[in-house]
């Protein structure tokens, strides 16, 4: 009986001060706005993610430049190696012919 009286009093107070809520209003009240701390944390996280993507992009661009540089250097070294190998074989042939 006490619980019924409490419910009746709550309903009476509610009817005096405000209209009953619809289901949509009830859901909206249950989903209160995000706490300020969470909003700040989410914004900081978005900012950190943006910065991380920017750093990754810069790193990839630097790696691509390195690949180009080292590919060219490797090509030059291969040409030098081929030339030196040719000269060595030529010198060995001359030594063999002279002997």
Protein backbone atom coordinates (compact mmCIF):
# COMPACT_ATOMS: atom_id res chain seq x y z
CA UNK A 1 0.00 0.00 0.00
CA UNK A 2 2.85 2.40 0.78
CA UNK A 3 4.40 1.85 -2.62
CA UNK A 4 1.07 2.51 -4.28
CA UNK A 5 0.72 5.77 -2.33
CA UNK A 6 4.24 6.80 -3.35
CA UNK A 7 3.48 6.09 -7.00
CA UNK A 8 0.22 8.02 -6.78
CA UNK A 9 2.00 10.98 -5.19
CA UNK A 10 4.71 10.91 -7.88
CA UNK A 11 2.07 10.81 -10.58
CA UNK A 12 0.20 13.63 -8.93
CA UNK A 13 3.33 15.78 -8.73
CA UNK A 14 4.16 14.98 -12.32
CA UNK A 15 0.71 15.85 -13.60
CA UNK A 16 0.81 19.18 -11.75
CA UNK A 17 4.23 20.24 -13.02
CA UNK A 18 4.48 18.72 -16.49
CA UNK A 19 2.70 16.65 -19.07
CA UNK A 20 3.48 12.92 -19.28
CA UNK A 21 6.38 12.10 -21.55
CA UNK A 22 6.07 10.31 -24.85
CA UNK A 23 8.25 7.30 -25.58
CA UNK A 24 10.57 9.45 -27.75
CA UNK A 25 10.96 12.06 -25.04
CA UNK A 26 11.67 9.35 -22.50
CA UNK A 27 14.44 7.91 -24.74
CA UNK A 28 15.89 11.38 -25.28
CA UNK A 29 16.07 11.98 -21.53
CA UNK A 30 17.82 8.67 -20.97
CA UNK A 31 20.45 9.64 -23.56
CA UNK A 32 21.84 12.66 -21.80
CA UNK A 33 24.38 14.79 -23.64
CA UNK A 34 27.93 13.46 -23.62
CA UNK A 35 29.92 14.50 -20.58
CA UNK A 36 32.35 17.32 -21.36
CA UNK A 37 35.35 15.16 -20.44
CA UNK A 38 34.30 12.52 -23.00
CA UNK A 39 33.82 15.16 -25.70
CA UNK A 40 37.31 16.51 -24.98
CA UNK A 41 38.81 13.02 -25.02
CA UNK A 42 37.10 12.16 -28.32
CA UNK A 43 38.28 15.41 -29.92
CA UNK A 44 41.83 14.80 -28.69
CA UNK A 45 41.64 11.28 -30.10
CA UNK A 46 40.47 12.60 -33.50
CA UNK A 47 43.30 15.13 -33.48
CA UNK A 48 45.87 12.45 -32.59
CA UNK A 49 44.50 10.21 -35.36
CA UNK A 50 44.79 13.05 -37.90
CA UNK A 51 48.36 13.74 -36.82
CA UNK A 52 49.20 10.03 -36.99
CA UNK A 53 47.83 9.81 -40.55
CA UNK A 54 49.84 12.92 -41.51
CA UNK A 55 53.06 11.47 -40.07
CA UNK A 56 52.41 8.17 -41.83
CA UNK A 57 51.90 9.97 -45.15
CA UNK A 58 55.16 11.90 -44.71
CA UNK A 59 57.01 8.70 -43.79
CA UNK A 60 55.67 6.89 -46.87
CA UNK A 61 56.69 9.80 -49.11
CA UNK A 62 60.19 9.75 -47.60
CA UNK A 63 60.43 5.99 -48.11
CA UNK A 64 59.33 6.38 -51.74
CA UNK A 65 62.07 8.98 -52.29
CA UNK A 66 64.58 6.62 -50.65
CA UNK A 67 63.52 3.78 -52.95
CA UNK A 68 64.07 5.99 -55.99
CA UNK A 69 67.46 7.18 -54.70
CA UNK A 70 68.74 3.70 -53.81
CA UNK A 71 67.38 2.16 -57.01
CA UNK A 72 69.38 4.69 -59.02
CA UNK A 73 72.46 4.16 -56.85
CA UNK A 74 72.09 0.40 -57.25
CA UNK A 75 71.85 0.78 -61.04
CA UNK A 76 75.02 2.89 -61.06
CA UNK A 77 76.87 0.34 -58.91
CA UNK A 78 75.75 -2.49 -61.19
CA UNK A 79 77.09 -0.61 -64.21
CA UNK A 80 80.40 -0.02 -62.43
CA UNK A 81 80.56 -3.68 -61.41
CA UNK A 82 79.87 -4.79 -64.99
CA UNK A 83 82.59 -2.44 -66.29
CA UNK A 84 85.12 -3.62 -63.68
CA UNK A 85 84.27 -7.26 -64.39
CA UNK A 86 84.81 -6.59 -68.12
CA UNK A 87 88.16 -4.90 -67.41
CA UNK A 88 89.24 -7.78 -65.14
CA UNK A 89 88.41 -10.37 -67.79
CA UNK A 90 90.27 -8.28 -70.38
CA UNK A 91 93.32 -8.04 -68.12
CA UNK A 92 93.22 -11.79 -67.40
CA UNK A 93 93.07 -12.46 -71.14
CA UNK A 94 96.13 -10.25 -71.73
CA UNK A 95 98.05 -11.99 -68.96
CA UNK A 96 97.20 -15.41 -70.41
CA UNK A 97 98.19 -14.33 -73.94
CA UNK A 98 101.47 -12.80 -72.71
CA UNK A 99 102.46 -15.96 -70.84
